[in-house]
Amino acid sequence: MTAEQIRPIVLGILARIAPDEDLTSIDDSVPLREQMELDSMDFLDIVMELRKMYRVQIPEEDYGNLGTMSSTVTYLTPLLKDAAAPVAPA
């Protein structure tokens, strides 16, 4: 997958975890916790969703790489390079 394919996946996970948040104005360079009401459990839910969906293991020491949308996509790009992009429903 490419970075352009990964960003919507992360947005989809955020939408499921925080359904009341407006994700249309996410600034990729600003920490997600500053833009959304995410607590530590929500953050772990993001990590668990990625593990469940793509079998990606994110070690705790790498959690800092998931602070902004930009850093999250950058971190995930090599991990998901061989993963199949989800197919959009018809």
N, C-alpha and C. Protein backbone atom coordinates (compact mmCIF):
# COMPACT_ATOMS: atom_id res chain seq x y z
N MET A 1 0.83 -1.19 0.00
CA MET A 1 0.00 0.00 0.00
C MET A 1 0.87 1.25 0.00
N THR A 2 0.31 2.28 -0.52
CA THR A 2 1.01 3.57 -0.56
C THR A 2 0.50 4.46 0.58
N ALA A 3 1.22 5.55 0.80
CA ALA A 3 0.79 6.51 1.82
C ALA A 3 -0.62 7.03 1.52
N GLU A 4 -0.92 7.23 0.24
CA GLU A 4 -2.24 7.73 -0.15
C GLU A 4 -3.34 6.72 0.18
N GLN A 5 -3.00 5.45 0.23
CA GLN A 5 -3.98 4.41 0.58
C GLN A 5 -4.07 4.22 2.10
N ILE A 6 -2.99 4.52 2.80
CA ILE A 6 -2.96 4.30 4.24
C ILE A 6 -3.71 5.38 5.01
N ARG A 7 -3.61 6.62 4.58
CA ARG A 7 -4.26 7.72 5.30
C ARG A 7 -5.77 7.48 5.49
N PRO A 8 -6.52 7.10 4.44
CA PRO A 8 -7.96 6.86 4.64
C PRO A 8 -8.23 5.68 5.59
N ILE A 9 -7.33 4.72 5.63
CA ILE A 9 -7.49 3.60 6.54
C ILE A 9 -7.39 4.08 7.98
N VAL A 10 -6.40 4.93 8.24
CA VAL A 10 -6.23 5.48 9.58
C VAL A 10 -7.44 6.34 9.94
N LEU A 11 -7.92 7.13 8.99
CA LEU A 11 -9.12 7.94 9.24
C LEU A 11 -10.32 7.07 9.55
N GLY A 12 -10.44 5.94 8.86
CA GLY A 12 -11.55 5.02 9.13
C GLY A 12 -11.48 4.44 10.53
N ILE A 13 -10.28 4.10 10.96
CA ILE A 13 -10.10 3.60 12.33
C ILE A 13 -10.47 4.68 13.34
N LEU A 14 -10.01 5.90 13.10
CA LEU A 14 -10.34 7.01 13.99
C LEU A 14 -11.85 7.25 14.03
N ALA A 15 -12.52 7.12 12.90
CA ALA A 15 -13.97 7.33 12.85
C ALA A 15 -14.70 6.29 13.69
N ARG A 16 -14.20 5.05 13.69
CA ARG A 16 -14.84 4.01 14.50
C ARG A 16 -14.56 4.21 15.99
N ILE A 17 -13.37 4.67 16.32
CA ILE A 17 -12.99 4.85 17.72
C ILE A 17 -13.62 6.11 18.31
N ALA A 18 -13.72 7.16 17.52
CA ALA A 18 -14.26 8.44 17.99
C ALA A 18 -15.32 8.92 17.00
N PRO A 19 -16.48 8.27 17.00
CA PRO A 19 -17.50 8.56 15.98
C PRO A 19 -18.05 9.98 16.03
N ASP A 20 -17.91 10.68 17.14
CA ASP A 20 -18.44 12.04 17.25
C ASP A 20 -17.47 13.11 16.78
N GLU A 21 -16.26 12.72 16.45
CA GLU A 21 -15.24 13.68 16.03
C GLU A 21 -15.41 14.06 14.56
N ASP A 22 -15.10 15.32 14.24
CA ASP A 22 -15.10 15.79 12.86
C ASP A 22 -13.70 15.55 12.29
N LEU A 23 -13.59 14.59 11.41
CA LEU A 23 -12.29 14.23 10.86
C LEU A 23 -11.97 14.96 9.56
N THR A 24 -12.86 15.77 9.09
CA THR A 24 -12.66 16.45 7.80
C THR A 24 -11.59 17.54 7.89
N SER A 25 -11.30 18.02 9.09
CA SER A 25 -10.33 19.10 9.22
C SER A 25 -9.05 18.66 9.92
N ILE A 26 -8.74 17.38 9.88
CA ILE A 26 -7.52 16.88 10.50
C ILE A 26 -6.31 17.51 9.81
N ASP A 27 -5.46 18.13 10.60
CA ASP A 27 -4.20 18.68 10.10
C ASP A 27 -3.14 17.59 10.30
N ASP A 28 -2.56 17.14 9.21
CA ASP A 28 -1.63 16.00 9.26
C ASP A 28 -0.39 16.27 10.10
N SER A 29 -0.05 17.53 10.33
CA SER A 29 1.18 17.84 11.06
C SER A 29 0.96 18.14 12.55
N VAL A 30 -0.30 18.20 12.98
CA VAL A 30 -0.62 18.51 14.38
C VAL A 30 -0.93 17.20 15.10
N PRO A 31 -0.40 17.03 16.32
CA PRO A 31 -0.69 15.80 17.06
C PRO A 31 -2.19 15.51 17.13
N LEU A 32 -2.53 14.25 16.88
CA LEU A 32 -3.94 13.85 16.87
C LEU A 32 -4.61 14.13 18.21
N ARG A 33 -3.90 13.95 19.29
CA ARG A 33 -4.48 14.20 20.62
C ARG A 33 -4.82 15.67 20.84
N GLU A 34 -4.17 16.56 20.11
CA GLU A 34 -4.50 17.99 20.21
C GLU A 34 -5.72 18.33 19.37
N GLN A 35 -6.03 17.49 18.39
CA GLN A 35 -7.15 17.77 17.49
C GLN A 35 -8.41 17.00 17.87
N MET A 36 -8.21 15.93 18.60
CA MET A 36 -9.33 15.04 18.94
C MET A 36 -9.27 14.72 20.43
N GLU A 37 -10.39 14.29 20.94
CA GLU A 37 -10.42 13.86 22.33
C GLU A 37 -10.07 12.37 22.39
N LEU A 38 -8.78 12.08 22.29
CA LEU A 38 -8.29 10.72 22.34
C LEU A 38 -7.57 10.51 23.67
N ASP A 39 -7.95 9.45 24.37
CA ASP A 39 -7.21 9.12 25.58
C ASP A 39 -6.30 7.93 25.29
N SER A 40 -5.60 7.47 26.29
CA SER A 40 -4.64 6.39 26.08
C SER A 40 -5.33 5.10 25.63
N MET A 41 -6.53 4.85 26.08
CA MET A 41 -7.26 3.64 25.64
C MET A 41 -7.65 3.76 24.17
N ASP A 42 -8.05 4.94 23.74
CA ASP A 42 -8.37 5.14 22.32
C ASP A 42 -7.13 4.90 21.47
N PHE A 43 -5.99 5.38 21.95
CA PHE A 43 -4.75 5.18 21.22
C PHE A 43 -4.43 3.69 21.10
N LEU A 44 -4.60 2.96 22.18
CA LEU A 44 -4.37 1.50 22.13
C LEU A 44 -5.36 0.83 21.19
N ASP A 45 -6.58 1.34 21.13
CA ASP A 45 -7.57 0.80 20.19
C ASP A 45 -7.10 0.97 18.75
N ILE A 46 -6.44 2.07 18.45
CA ILE A 46 -5.91 2.30 17.10
C ILE A 46 -4.86 1.23 16.79
N VAL A 47 -3.96 1.02 17.73
CA VAL A 47 -2.91 0.01 17.55
C VAL A 47 -3.53 -1.37 17.38
N MET A 48 -4.54 -1.69 18.18
CA MET A 48 -5.18 -3.01 18.10
C MET A 48 -5.93 -3.18 16.79
N GLU A 49 -6.56 -2.15 16.30
CA GLU A 49 -7.26 -2.23 15.01
C GLU A 49 -6.28 -2.51 13.88
N LEU A 50 -5.14 -1.84 13.91
CA LEU A 50 -4.12 -2.09 12.89
C LEU A 50 -3.62 -3.53 12.97
N ARG A 51 -3.47 -4.02 14.18
CA ARG A 51 -3.03 -5.41 14.35
C ARG A 51 -4.08 -6.37 13.81
N LYS A 52 -5.33 -6.10 14.15
CA LYS A 52 -6.42 -6.97 13.73
C LYS A 52 -6.62 -6.94 12.20
N MET A 53 -6.57 -5.75 11.63
CA MET A 53 -6.83 -5.61 10.20
C MET A 53 -5.68 -6.08 9.33
N TYR A 54 -4.44 -5.79 9.77
CA TYR A 54 -3.29 -6.02 8.90
C TYR A 54 -2.17 -6.85 9.54
N ARG A 55 -2.42 -7.34 10.73
CA ARG A 55 -1.42 -8.14 11.46
C ARG A 55 -0.11 -7.38 11.63
N VAL A 56 -0.23 -6.09 11.86
CA VAL A 56 0.93 -5.22 12.08
C VAL A 56 1.20 -5.17 13.58
N GLN A 57 2.43 -5.51 13.95
CA GLN A 57 2.85 -5.42 15.34
C GLN A 57 3.55 -4.08 15.54
N ILE A 58 3.03 -3.27 16.43
CA ILE A 58 3.64 -1.99 16.73
C ILE A 58 4.14 -2.05 18.17
N PRO A 59 5.45 -2.12 18.34
CA PRO A 59 5.99 -2.18 19.70
C PRO A 59 5.72 -0.89 20.47
N GLU A 60 5.57 -1.02 21.76
CA GLU A 60 5.25 0.13 22.60
C GLU A 60 6.26 1.27 22.43
N GLU A 61 7.52 0.92 22.23
CA GLU A 61 8.53 1.97 22.08
C GLU A 61 8.36 2.76 20.78
N ASP A 62 7.54 2.26 19.87
CA ASP A 62 7.28 2.98 18.61
C ASP A 62 6.00 3.80 18.64
N TYR A 63 5.26 3.78 19.73
CA TYR A 63 4.00 4.51 19.80
C TYR A 63 4.18 6.00 19.50
N GLY A 64 5.32 6.57 19.84
CA GLY A 64 5.58 7.98 19.56
C GLY A 64 5.55 8.31 18.09
N ASN A 65 5.75 7.29 17.23
CA ASN A 65 5.70 7.50 15.79
C ASN A 65 4.27 7.68 15.27
N LEU A 66 3.30 7.49 16.14
CA LEU A 66 1.90 7.58 15.73
C LEU A 66 1.23 8.85 16.26
N GLY A 67 2.02 9.86 16.54
CA GLY A 67 1.48 11.08 17.13
C GLY A 67 0.65 11.93 16.19
N THR A 68 1.12 12.12 14.97
CA THR A 68 0.38 12.92 13.99
C THR A 68 -0.07 12.00 12.85
N MET A 69 -0.96 12.49 12.04
CA MET A 69 -1.39 11.70 10.89
C MET A 69 -0.20 11.47 9.96
N SER A 70 0.59 12.50 9.75
CA SER A 70 1.75 12.39 8.86
C SER A 70 2.75 11.36 9.37
N SER A 71 3.08 11.42 10.66
CA SER A 71 4.06 10.47 11.20
C SER A 71 3.48 9.06 11.23
N THR A 72 2.19 8.93 11.44
CA THR A 72 1.55 7.61 11.43
C THR A 72 1.64 6.98 10.05
N VAL A 73 1.30 7.75 9.03
CA VAL A 73 1.36 7.25 7.65
C VAL A 73 2.80 6.90 7.28
N THR A 74 3.74 7.76 7.64
CA THR A 74 5.15 7.50 7.35
C THR A 74 5.61 6.22 8.04
N TYR A 75 5.23 6.04 9.29
CA TYR A 75 5.62 4.84 10.04
C TYR A 75 5.01 3.58 9.43
N LEU A 76 3.73 3.66 9.05
CA LEU A 76 3.03 2.48 8.55
C LEU A 76 3.38 2.11 7.11
N THR A 77 3.84 3.06 6.31
CA THR A 77 4.09 2.80 4.90
C THR A 77 5.00 1.59 4.66
N PRO A 78 6.17 1.49 5.29
CA PRO A 78 6.98 0.29 5.04
C PRO A 78 6.37 -0.98 5.63
N LEU A 79 5.61 -0.85 6.72
CA LEU A 79 5.00 -2.02 7.35
C LEU A 79 3.87 -2.59 6.50
N LEU A 80 3.18 -1.71 5.78
CA LEU A 80 2.02 -2.14 5.00
C LEU A 80 2.30 -2.18 3.49
N LYS A 81 3.56 -2.05 3.10
CA LYS A 81 3.87 -1.97 1.67
C LYS A 81 3.40 -3.19 0.90
N ASP A 82 3.39 -4.35 1.53
CA ASP A 82 2.96 -5.57 0.86
C ASP A 82 1.51 -5.95 1.16
N ALA A 83 0.85 -5.16 1.98
CA ALA A 83 -0.54 -5.47 2.33
C ALA A 83 -1.46 -5.04 1.19
N ALA A 84 -2.53 -5.77 1.04
CA ALA A 84 -3.52 -5.41 0.02
C ALA A 84 -4.38 -4.26 0.53
N ALA A 85 -4.60 -3.30 -0.32
CA ALA A 85 -5.48 -2.20 0.03
C ALA A 85 -6.91 -2.71 0.11
N PRO A 86 -7.68 -2.20 1.06
CA PRO A 86 -9.07 -2.64 1.13
C PRO A 86 -9.85 -2.22 -0.12
N VAL A 87 -10.77 -3.04 -0.50
CA VAL A 87 -11.60 -2.75 -1.66
C VAL A 87 -12.79 -1.94 -1.22
N ALA A 88 -13.03 -0.84 -1.90
CA ALA A 88 -14.18 0.00 -1.58
C ALA A 88 -15.46 -0.72 -1.94
N PRO A 89 -16.47 -0.64 -1.07
CA PRO A 89 -17.74 -1.30 -1.40
C PRO A 89 -18.38 -0.68 -2.64
N ALA A 90 -19.03 -1.50 -3.41
CA ALA A 90 -19.65 -1.03 -4.66
C ALA A 90 -20.94 -0.32 -4.39
